[in-house]
N, C-alpha and C. Protein backbone atom coordinates (compact mmCIF):
# COMPACT_ATOMS: atom_id res chain seq x y z
N MET A 1 -7.74 6.43 -28.83
CA MET A 1 -7.10 7.48 -28.28
C MET A 1 -7.77 8.41 -28.89
N HIS A 2 -8.02 9.40 -28.25
CA HIS A 2 -8.74 10.10 -29.03
C HIS A 2 -7.11 11.44 -29.87
N PHE A 3 -7.44 11.83 -31.09
CA PHE A 3 -6.07 12.21 -32.17
C PHE A 3 -7.08 13.58 -32.59
N ASP A 4 -6.40 14.86 -32.24
CA ASP A 4 -6.49 16.06 -32.89
C ASP A 4 -5.46 16.97 -33.13
N HIS A 5 -5.55 17.81 -34.49
CA HIS A 5 -4.73 18.57 -34.92
C HIS A 5 -4.83 19.82 -35.33
N SER A 6 -5.02 20.93 -34.95
CA SER A 6 -5.34 22.18 -35.28
C SER A 6 -4.13 23.07 -35.79
N HIS A 7 -4.44 24.16 -37.11
CA HIS A 7 -3.68 25.02 -37.22
C HIS A 7 -4.36 26.45 -37.30
N LYS A 8 -4.02 27.28 -36.62
CA LYS A 8 -5.15 28.63 -37.02
C LYS A 8 -3.85 30.05 -36.67
N ARG A 9 -4.56 30.43 -37.77
CA ARG A 9 -3.88 32.29 -37.80
C ARG A 9 -5.11 33.12 -37.12
N THR A 10 -4.62 33.78 -36.27
CA THR A 10 -5.25 34.66 -35.24
C THR A 10 -5.27 35.69 -35.29
N ARG A 11 -6.10 36.64 -35.68
CA ARG A 11 -5.92 38.33 -36.05
C ARG A 11 -6.21 39.44 -34.46
N ASP A 12 -6.40 38.49 -33.77
CA ASP A 12 -6.44 39.57 -32.34
C ASP A 12 -5.92 38.63 -30.99
N ALA A 13 -5.78 39.19 -29.83
CA ALA A 13 -5.14 38.17 -28.65
C ALA A 13 -6.21 37.73 -28.47
N ASP A 14 -7.43 38.22 -28.37
CA ASP A 14 -8.74 37.79 -27.68
C ASP A 14 -8.76 35.84 -28.45
N GLU A 15 -8.40 36.30 -29.44
CA GLU A 15 -9.13 35.20 -30.15
C GLU A 15 -7.57 33.70 -30.48
N GLN A 16 -6.21 34.52 -30.28
CA GLN A 16 -5.20 33.67 -29.88
C GLN A 16 -5.16 33.14 -28.71
N ALA A 17 -5.78 33.76 -27.40
CA ALA A 17 -6.10 32.94 -25.98
C ALA A 17 -7.32 31.77 -26.29
N ALA A 18 -8.39 31.92 -27.15
CA ALA A 18 -8.84 30.95 -26.68
C ALA A 18 -8.48 29.77 -28.27
N SER A 19 -7.52 29.67 -28.65
CA SER A 19 -7.21 28.87 -29.52
C SER A 19 -6.42 27.76 -29.20
N VAL A 20 -6.33 27.89 -27.71
CA VAL A 20 -5.46 26.20 -27.27
C VAL A 20 -6.26 26.28 -25.64
N HIS A 21 -6.83 24.44 -26.63
CA HIS A 21 -7.76 23.68 -25.69
C HIS A 21 -6.71 23.80 -24.13
N ASP A 22 -7.60 23.53 -22.77
CA ASP A 22 -7.34 22.92 -21.47
C ASP A 22 -6.70 24.10 -20.69
N TRP A 23 -6.57 25.27 -20.94
CA TRP A 23 -5.84 27.03 -20.90
C TRP A 23 -7.26 27.91 -20.34
N ASP A 24 -7.40 28.37 -19.10
CA ASP A 24 -8.43 29.45 -19.11
C ASP A 24 -7.34 30.70 -18.79
N GLN A 25 -6.88 31.42 -19.90
CA GLN A 25 -6.25 32.39 -20.00
C GLN A 25 -6.66 33.79 -20.23
N ARG A 26 -6.22 34.55 -20.84
CA ARG A 26 -6.40 36.27 -21.62
C ARG A 26 -5.22 37.03 -21.45
N TYR A 27 -5.29 37.05 -22.94
CA TYR A 27 -4.19 37.98 -23.58
C TYR A 27 -4.43 39.32 -23.99
N GLU A 28 -3.56 40.07 -23.60
CA GLU A 28 -3.74 41.69 -23.63
C GLU A 28 -2.69 42.33 -24.24
N GLN A 29 -2.99 42.58 -25.54
CA GLN A 29 -2.26 43.13 -26.88
C GLN A 29 -1.73 44.54 -25.92
N LEU A 30 -0.40 44.60 -25.63
CA LEU A 30 0.65 45.81 -24.94
C LEU A 30 1.23 46.55 -25.96
N SER A 31 1.62 46.36 -27.14
CA SER A 31 2.30 47.25 -28.66
C SER A 31 0.64 47.48 -29.26
N ALA A 32 1.35 48.32 -30.07
CA ALA A 32 0.11 49.22 -31.42
C ALA A 32 0.68 48.60 -32.22
N GLY A 33 -0.40 48.20 -33.71
CA GLY A 33 0.13 47.37 -34.10
C GLY A 33 -1.61 46.75 -34.75
N ARG A 34 -1.56 46.09 -35.68
CA ARG A 34 -2.59 44.95 -36.57
C ARG A 34 -1.97 43.74 -35.41
N PHE A 35 -2.73 42.85 -34.88
CA PHE A 35 -2.21 41.77 -34.42
C PHE A 35 -2.21 40.61 -35.79
N ASP A 36 -1.43 39.52 -35.54
CA ASP A 36 -0.87 38.19 -36.67
C ASP A 36 -0.26 37.03 -35.77
N GLY A 37 -0.93 36.03 -35.43
CA GLY A 37 -0.29 35.18 -34.53
C GLY A 37 -0.82 34.06 -35.26
N VAL A 38 -0.22 32.87 -34.97
CA VAL A 38 -0.31 31.68 -34.89
C VAL A 38 -0.35 30.61 -34.12
N VAL A 39 -1.44 29.58 -33.97
CA VAL A 39 -1.30 28.56 -33.22
C VAL A 39 -1.29 27.14 -33.89
N ASP A 40 -0.77 26.09 -33.49
CA ASP A 40 -0.57 24.72 -33.84
C ASP A 40 -0.46 24.30 -32.75
N GLU A 41 -1.23 23.22 -32.68
CA GLU A 41 -1.63 22.22 -31.64
C GLU A 41 -2.44 20.99 -32.01
N LEU A 42 -1.32 20.02 -31.64
CA LEU A 42 -2.12 18.75 -31.79
C LEU A 42 -1.84 18.08 -30.18
N ARG A 43 -3.61 17.40 -30.15
CA ARG A 43 -3.76 16.33 -28.65
C ARG A 43 -3.42 15.13 -28.89
N VAL A 44 -3.31 14.19 -28.19
CA VAL A 44 -3.11 12.75 -28.33
C VAL A 44 -3.73 12.07 -26.86
N GLY A 45 -4.69 11.61 -26.87
CA GLY A 45 -4.80 11.03 -25.21
C GLY A 45 -4.55 11.92 -24.03
N PRO A 46 -3.75 11.85 -23.16
CA PRO A 46 -3.52 12.83 -22.21
C PRO A 46 -2.28 13.80 -22.44
N VAL A 47 -1.81 13.70 -23.84
CA VAL A 47 -1.18 14.56 -24.22
C VAL A 47 -1.29 16.03 -25.10
N GLN A 48 -0.79 17.25 -24.83
CA GLN A 48 -0.96 18.69 -25.79
C GLN A 48 0.21 18.70 -26.40
N VAL A 49 0.64 19.10 -27.68
CA VAL A 49 1.65 19.69 -27.28
C VAL A 49 1.22 20.97 -28.49
N PHE A 50 1.74 22.25 -28.41
CA PHE A 50 1.11 23.38 -29.13
C PHE A 50 2.19 24.34 -29.15
N ALA A 51 2.35 24.90 -30.20
CA ALA A 51 3.32 26.12 -30.59
C ALA A 51 2.41 27.32 -30.95
N GLU A 52 3.04 28.74 -30.22
CA GLU A 52 2.19 29.86 -30.83
C GLU A 52 2.96 30.81 -30.67
N CYS A 53 3.32 31.90 -31.42
CA CYS A 53 3.57 33.05 -31.64
C CYS A 53 2.56 33.80 -32.24
N ALA A 54 3.46 35.20 -31.89
CA ALA A 54 2.10 36.83 -32.35
C ALA A 54 3.39 38.07 -32.67
N ASN A 55 3.07 38.64 -33.36
CA ASN A 55 3.79 39.95 -34.19
C ASN A 55 3.71 41.01 -33.29
N GLN A 56 3.11 40.37 -31.70
CA GLN A 56 2.36 41.79 -31.14
C GLN A 56 3.27 41.17 -29.50
N THR A 57 3.74 42.51 -29.00
CA THR A 57 3.66 41.89 -27.01
C THR A 57 2.43 41.98 -26.73
N VAL A 58 1.92 40.98 -25.73
CA VAL A 58 1.15 40.81 -25.38
C VAL A 58 0.97 40.18 -23.66
N MET A 59 0.64 40.37 -23.40
CA MET A 59 0.21 39.74 -21.88
C MET A 59 -0.60 38.63 -21.56
N GLN A 60 0.23 37.81 -20.64
CA GLN A 60 -0.79 36.39 -20.71
C GLN A 60 -0.86 36.18 -19.53
N ALA A 61 -2.13 35.87 -18.82
CA ALA A 61 -2.76 35.68 -17.34
C ALA A 61 -3.46 34.82 -17.36
N GLY A 62 -3.80 33.64 -16.41
CA GLY A 62 -4.60 32.33 -16.16
C GLY A 62 -4.33 31.51 -15.65
N HIS A 63 -4.86 30.18 -16.27
CA HIS A 63 -4.15 29.04 -15.67
C HIS A 63 -4.68 28.03 -16.11
N LEU A 64 -3.79 26.86 -16.26
CA LEU A 64 -4.70 25.59 -16.59
C LEU A 64 -5.26 24.83 -16.22
N SER A 65 -6.12 23.58 -16.83
CA SER A 65 -6.97 23.19 -16.20
C SER A 65 -6.25 22.60 -14.91
N PRO A 66 -7.20 22.55 -13.83
CA PRO A 66 -6.88 21.63 -12.75
C PRO A 66 -6.44 20.52 -12.49
N ASP A 67 -6.56 19.83 -13.64
CA ASP A 67 -6.20 18.26 -13.96
C ASP A 67 -4.57 18.18 -15.31
N ARG A 68 -4.19 19.53 -15.46
CA ARG A 68 -2.76 19.56 -16.25
C ARG A 68 -1.37 20.08 -15.68
N MET A 69 -0.44 19.42 -16.33
CA MET A 69 0.94 20.08 -15.87
C MET A 69 1.55 20.67 -17.50
N SER A 70 2.03 21.48 -17.50
CA SER A 70 2.57 21.83 -18.76
C SER A 70 4.03 22.53 -18.32
N ILE A 71 5.02 22.14 -19.27
CA ILE A 71 6.11 22.87 -19.37
C ILE A 71 6.32 23.58 -20.99
N ALA A 72 7.06 24.51 -21.20
CA ALA A 72 7.29 25.56 -22.50
C ALA A 72 8.51 25.82 -22.92
N LEU A 73 9.19 25.70 -23.61
CA LEU A 73 10.26 26.11 -24.00
C LEU A 73 9.67 27.58 -25.20
N VAL A 74 10.02 28.48 -24.50
CA VAL A 74 10.12 29.91 -24.99
C VAL A 74 11.33 30.02 -25.18
N ARG A 75 11.11 31.50 -26.53
CA ARG A 75 12.47 32.02 -27.51
C ARG A 75 12.47 32.98 -27.47
N ALA A 76 12.88 34.25 -26.57
CA ALA A 76 12.89 35.80 -27.16
C ALA A 76 14.03 35.71 -27.69
N ASP A 77 14.04 36.42 -28.83
CA ASP A 77 14.94 36.98 -30.00
C ASP A 77 15.86 38.08 -30.12
N GLY A 78 14.82 39.38 -29.52
CA GLY A 78 14.80 40.06 -29.34
C GLY A 78 14.97 40.74 -27.97
N VAL A 79 13.68 41.59 -27.80
CA VAL A 79 12.86 42.16 -26.63
C VAL A 79 12.90 41.24 -25.10
N PRO A 80 13.08 40.84 -24.33
CA PRO A 80 13.13 39.81 -23.26
C PRO A 80 11.29 39.85 -22.89
N GLY A 81 11.02 38.69 -22.37
CA GLY A 81 9.54 38.57 -21.85
C GLY A 81 9.65 38.04 -20.53
N TRP A 82 8.78 38.13 -19.61
CA TRP A 82 8.49 37.72 -18.19
C TRP A 82 7.65 36.52 -18.19
N TYR A 83 8.29 36.24 -17.08
CA TYR A 83 7.27 34.75 -16.53
C TYR A 83 7.06 34.96 -14.87
N CYS A 84 6.44 35.09 -14.40
CA CYS A 84 6.11 34.76 -13.13
C CYS A 84 6.94 35.67 -12.41
N GLY A 85 7.76 36.50 -12.75
CA GLY A 85 8.37 37.90 -12.10
C GLY A 85 9.56 37.17 -12.86
N HIS A 86 9.61 36.44 -13.69
CA HIS A 86 11.44 36.26 -14.07
C HIS A 86 11.43 36.34 -15.15
N ARG A 87 12.57 36.83 -15.92
CA ARG A 87 12.59 37.59 -17.13
C ARG A 87 13.33 36.59 -17.74
N LEU A 88 12.65 36.83 -19.17
CA LEU A 88 13.00 35.60 -20.12
C LEU A 88 14.03 36.00 -21.37
N SER A 89 15.35 35.69 -21.41
CA SER A 89 15.83 36.72 -23.16
C SER A 89 16.85 35.05 -23.25
N GLY A 90 16.45 35.15 -24.38
CA GLY A 90 17.12 34.01 -25.21
C GLY A 90 16.44 32.45 -25.03
N GLU A 91 16.57 31.73 -24.99
CA GLU A 91 15.72 30.34 -24.70
C GLU A 91 15.59 30.43 -23.11
N HIS A 92 14.69 29.61 -22.95
CA HIS A 92 13.86 28.82 -21.44
C HIS A 92 13.23 27.66 -21.26
N LEU A 93 12.79 27.47 -20.50
CA LEU A 93 12.38 26.22 -19.95
C LEU A 93 11.50 26.32 -18.90
N ILE A 94 10.42 26.30 -18.87
CA ILE A 94 9.72 27.28 -18.25
C ILE A 94 8.07 25.94 -17.37
N GLY A 95 8.06 26.09 -16.32
CA GLY A 95 6.99 24.51 -15.64
C GLY A 95 5.60 25.79 -15.37
N ILE A 96 4.96 25.13 -15.37
CA ILE A 96 3.43 25.79 -15.58
C ILE A 96 2.97 24.66 -14.92
N PRO A 97 2.22 24.96 -13.12
CA PRO A 97 1.62 23.87 -12.76
C PRO A 97 0.22 23.88 -12.69
N SER A 98 -0.35 22.91 -12.43
CA SER A 98 -1.78 22.53 -12.32
C SER A 98 -2.06 23.72 -11.40
N GLN A 99 -1.65 23.90 -9.96
CA GLN A 99 -2.32 24.89 -9.19
C GLN A 99 -1.72 26.26 -9.46
N GLY A 100 -2.80 27.01 -8.97
CA GLY A 100 -2.14 28.56 -9.42
C GLY A 100 -2.29 29.59 -10.56
N ASP A 101 -2.36 30.29 -10.67
CA ASP A 101 -1.77 31.07 -11.27
C ASP A 101 -0.78 31.35 -12.38
N PHE A 102 -0.69 32.25 -13.53
CA PHE A 102 0.47 32.25 -13.97
C PHE A 102 0.32 33.75 -15.14
N ASP A 103 1.32 34.15 -15.25
CA ASP A 103 1.85 35.56 -16.02
C ASP A 103 2.55 35.57 -16.75
N LEU A 104 2.35 35.73 -18.38
CA LEU A 104 3.59 35.68 -19.33
C LEU A 104 3.93 37.02 -20.09
N VAL A 105 4.88 38.33 -20.17
CA VAL A 105 4.80 39.08 -21.14
C VAL A 105 5.23 38.64 -22.11
N ALA A 106 4.80 38.39 -23.16
CA ALA A 106 5.54 37.71 -24.78
C ALA A 106 5.49 39.06 -25.45
N SER A 107 7.06 39.14 -25.45
CA SER A 107 6.81 40.44 -26.65
C SER A 107 7.08 39.83 -28.15
N ALA A 108 6.94 40.72 -28.39
CA ALA A 108 6.65 40.62 -29.69
C ALA A 108 7.69 39.88 -31.14
N GLY A 109 7.26 38.47 -31.58
CA GLY A 109 8.09 36.91 -32.44
C GLY A 109 8.47 36.28 -30.98
N LEU A 110 8.36 35.97 -29.86
CA LEU A 110 8.24 35.20 -28.81
C LEU A 110 7.64 33.92 -29.52
N GLN A 111 8.56 33.07 -29.33
CA GLN A 111 7.93 31.72 -29.70
C GLN A 111 7.80 30.60 -28.05
N ILE A 112 6.96 30.48 -28.35
CA ILE A 112 6.47 29.02 -27.51
C ILE A 112 6.35 27.81 -28.03
N LEU A 113 6.51 27.06 -27.73
CA LEU A 113 6.53 25.78 -27.65
C LEU A 113 6.27 24.34 -26.53
N ALA A 114 5.04 24.21 -26.42
CA ALA A 114 4.63 23.48 -25.17
C ALA A 114 4.03 21.98 -25.46
N LEU A 115 4.31 21.56 -24.16
CA LEU A 115 3.86 20.13 -23.57
C LEU A 115 2.86 20.63 -22.51
N SER A 116 1.63 19.57 -22.65
CA SER A 116 0.46 19.94 -21.44
C SER A 116 0.35 18.76 -20.97
N VAL A 117 0.39 17.96 -20.75
CA VAL A 117 -0.11 16.74 -20.11
C VAL A 117 -1.13 16.69 -18.73
N ASP A 118 -1.75 15.32 -18.79
CA ASP A 118 -2.72 15.25 -17.85
C ASP A 118 -2.19 14.67 -16.54
N THR A 119 -2.64 15.54 -15.16
CA THR A 119 -1.33 15.42 -14.24
C THR A 119 -1.44 13.73 -13.60
N GLN A 120 -2.69 13.44 -13.65
CA GLN A 120 -2.68 11.66 -13.21
C GLN A 120 -1.69 10.77 -13.88
N ALA A 121 -1.53 11.13 -15.23
CA ALA A 121 -0.85 10.43 -16.12
C ALA A 121 0.46 10.68 -15.52
N LEU A 122 0.88 11.95 -15.68
CA LEU A 122 2.15 12.16 -14.82
C LEU A 122 2.72 11.81 -13.77
N ARG A 123 1.71 11.34 -13.01
CA ARG A 123 2.16 11.62 -11.86
C ARG A 123 2.58 9.57 -11.64
N THR A 124 1.80 8.84 -12.86
CA THR A 124 2.19 7.05 -13.16
C THR A 124 2.99 7.16 -13.42
N LEU A 125 3.87 8.18 -14.58
CA LEU A 125 4.82 7.92 -15.14
C LEU A 125 6.31 8.42 -14.09
N ALA A 126 5.68 9.41 -13.37
CA ALA A 126 6.69 9.48 -12.32
C ALA A 126 7.05 8.16 -11.47
N ALA A 127 5.60 8.07 -10.91
CA ALA A 127 5.94 6.78 -9.91
C ALA A 127 6.86 5.77 -10.46
N GLN A 128 6.47 5.05 -11.46
CA GLN A 128 7.11 4.50 -13.00
C GLN A 128 8.57 4.39 -12.33
N LEU A 129 9.31 5.81 -12.89
CA LEU A 129 10.43 5.97 -12.85
C LEU A 129 11.22 6.46 -12.10
N ASP A 130 10.64 7.22 -10.62
CA ASP A 130 11.55 7.89 -9.44
C ASP A 130 10.72 7.13 -7.97
N GLY A 131 9.84 6.07 -8.66
CA GLY A 131 8.88 5.47 -7.29
C GLY A 131 7.99 5.92 -7.02
N PRO A 132 7.51 5.01 -5.65
CA PRO A 132 6.13 5.91 -5.37
C PRO A 132 5.78 7.05 -5.00
N GLY A 133 7.07 7.76 -4.07
CA GLY A 133 7.14 8.74 -3.41
C GLY A 133 7.01 10.07 -4.85
N ALA A 134 7.07 10.24 -5.68
CA ALA A 134 7.61 11.04 -6.59
C ALA A 134 7.06 12.21 -6.52
N GLU A 135 7.52 13.46 -6.75
CA GLU A 135 6.85 14.70 -6.28
C GLU A 135 7.06 15.72 -7.73
N LEU A 136 5.56 16.33 -7.94
CA LEU A 136 5.61 16.85 -9.32
C LEU A 136 5.79 18.70 -8.90
N PRO A 137 6.64 19.50 -9.36
CA PRO A 137 6.67 21.20 -8.90
C PRO A 137 5.47 21.52 -8.30
N PRO A 138 5.16 22.55 -7.68
CA PRO A 138 4.46 22.59 -7.15
C PRO A 138 4.24 24.36 -8.02
N VAL A 139 4.84 24.99 -7.88
CA VAL A 139 4.55 26.40 -8.24
C VAL A 139 5.47 26.34 -9.68
N PRO A 140 5.00 27.57 -10.41
CA PRO A 140 5.58 28.12 -11.88
C PRO A 140 7.21 28.19 -11.32
N THR A 141 8.11 27.85 -12.33
CA THR A 141 9.25 27.35 -12.43
C THR A 141 10.04 28.22 -13.08
N VAL A 142 11.05 28.31 -13.48
CA VAL A 142 12.09 28.24 -14.73
C VAL A 142 13.20 27.69 -14.52
N LEU A 143 13.11 26.65 -15.47
CA LEU A 143 14.29 25.59 -15.06
C LEU A 143 15.29 25.76 -16.13
N HIS A 144 16.24 25.22 -15.37
CA HIS A 144 17.89 25.86 -16.61
C HIS A 144 18.28 23.95 -17.20
N PRO A 145 17.48 23.46 -17.65
CA PRO A 145 18.37 22.74 -18.62
C PRO A 145 19.60 22.80 -18.89
N PRO A 146 20.68 21.62 -19.74
CA PRO A 146 21.98 21.83 -20.44
C PRO A 146 20.98 22.29 -21.50
N THR A 147 21.90 23.04 -22.62
CA THR A 147 21.35 23.15 -23.67
C THR A 147 21.58 21.88 -24.68
N ALA A 148 22.03 20.83 -24.74
CA ALA A 148 21.51 19.65 -25.04
C ALA A 148 20.81 19.51 -25.11
N ALA A 149 19.94 19.40 -23.83
CA ALA A 149 18.55 18.74 -23.43
C ALA A 149 17.28 19.88 -23.72
N LEU A 150 17.71 21.07 -24.37
CA LEU A 150 17.13 22.11 -24.76
C LEU A 150 16.66 21.57 -25.97
N ASP A 151 17.69 21.41 -26.64
CA ASP A 151 17.72 21.13 -28.37
C ASP A 151 16.85 20.16 -28.77
N GLN A 152 17.15 18.72 -27.52
CA GLN A 152 16.27 17.61 -27.14
C GLN A 152 14.30 17.88 -27.24
N VAL A 153 14.15 18.72 -26.24
CA VAL A 153 13.05 19.03 -25.91
C VAL A 153 12.29 20.12 -27.43
N ARG A 154 13.03 21.05 -28.14
CA ARG A 154 12.34 21.85 -29.22
C ARG A 154 12.18 20.88 -30.53
N ALA A 155 13.88 19.71 -30.65
CA ALA A 155 13.56 18.86 -31.65
C ALA A 155 12.25 18.04 -31.21
N LEU A 156 12.40 17.19 -30.19
CA LEU A 156 10.79 15.78 -29.82
C LEU A 156 9.81 17.03 -29.97
N LEU A 157 9.16 17.91 -29.82
CA LEU A 157 7.70 18.47 -29.71
C LEU A 157 7.51 19.74 -31.06
N GLY A 158 8.60 19.43 -31.76
CA GLY A 158 8.39 20.16 -33.09
C GLY A 158 8.21 19.25 -33.82
N THR A 159 9.01 17.63 -33.78
CA THR A 159 8.73 16.74 -34.41
C THR A 159 7.51 16.30 -34.58
N ALA A 160 6.27 16.42 -33.25
CA ALA A 160 5.82 15.49 -32.75
C ALA A 160 4.05 16.88 -33.71
N LEU A 161 4.54 18.28 -33.96
CA LEU A 161 3.61 19.00 -34.47
C LEU A 161 3.99 19.04 -36.02
């Protein structure tokens, strides 16, 4: 099984966008000032876990590789962000499908903790858990799990990194 871990400090939005594997995305810095960001990434077999944050407001747009799906825990402590037309203030779990584009306005300091999985591996797991007809979510979505579930996702992904 392939294992890879990286920790990168970035000095501009383009460098930050290119620091996460399996994502075709563009970042545009919207706020004024020097950019300072961090990306931590772990890849193990079909699973990718990453965390990113930056000190500037950034517009992110793009899409995942067509054979992957992702969920991300996003936390906006100050100014709210936006994900595919949904306002993000506080902490949210978002779903990013393998089909279609996404856009995210990440306010300065917004923290992203994400899990990306090979779609076929996820389908196999869904079929084992929910039966052969299990469906995966088709569109970008903001999920509303209970706080305890958010805490568990944060702890699991944080521990992995």
